[in-house]
Amino acid sequence: MKRNIFIVLLILITVSCQSVPTRYFSDLPQSIDIILEKPVSRVNIDLIKAYELRKSTKHFSKKEISIKELSTILWSANGINRKDGKRTAPSPFGEELINLYVFSNTGIYLYDAKQNKLLFRSTKNAKKEIGAESGARGTKTASLVLLLTGDLSRIPDFINRDVKINTAHATAGTIGQNIYLIANALNLGTRFVGSLSEEGIRSCLALNKDEIPLYIMPLGHKK
């Protein structure tokens, strides 16, 4: 009996120690929603070190970012970190007004924090089309490009439109800093880019008039 228990335990340990295959966008079927993974539970640097590492990256290698790495970055950016559904970034007026899109070589996706999913939007590789030529270095070569938009329709109507826009920019800034810190903690690179092509973005995503493009953030392995 003891021998049988030992064998069962040995099998369980062996199975648990087997590495889970690393997933990349290029490995996944196109035109479907992507279920994200749980974010890493810890990184091997403290907060002060993360601030020391924080910097902008303009040059990226061709190496892909894994789904695990992306899952961790998106959760850190604006994921749910409490049982009451609240986020890692502020929610002005109690609303989630920032949308976070992921542009990959195989398509465009919208981050859904509640379901921990990427919702499929298009098979188009539009990374080259969303950044303005001046100042958008890295958007063409990075493994992924993140787009932050603000949906002003989620802010109460009695709020002045200029205040809505300023609120969206401020909220996007906090999300961008979250992305900077976790990306550099994972030894990845990113940068905050305000030089974007609103026309190109709107043609890719068919945004309504109340959803405004704010910033793009190329994301990849440092060259």
Foldseek 3Di string as FASTA:
>chain_A
DVVVVVVVVVVVVVVVPDDDDWAFPVVDDPPFKFAADAADPDFPDDPVVLVVLQDAAQAFDQDADTSRLVLNLVQLLWAQDDPVRHTNFDAPVVHDFKWKWKAACQAIFTQDRVRNMTGGQTRHRCQVQWFDPPFPGQSVRFRMKMWIKGQLVRDDPVDDPVVSVVVSQVRNVSSVVSSRSSQSSVQKHKDKTQGTDQVSVCVRHVDDPRIGTGIMMGIHHHD
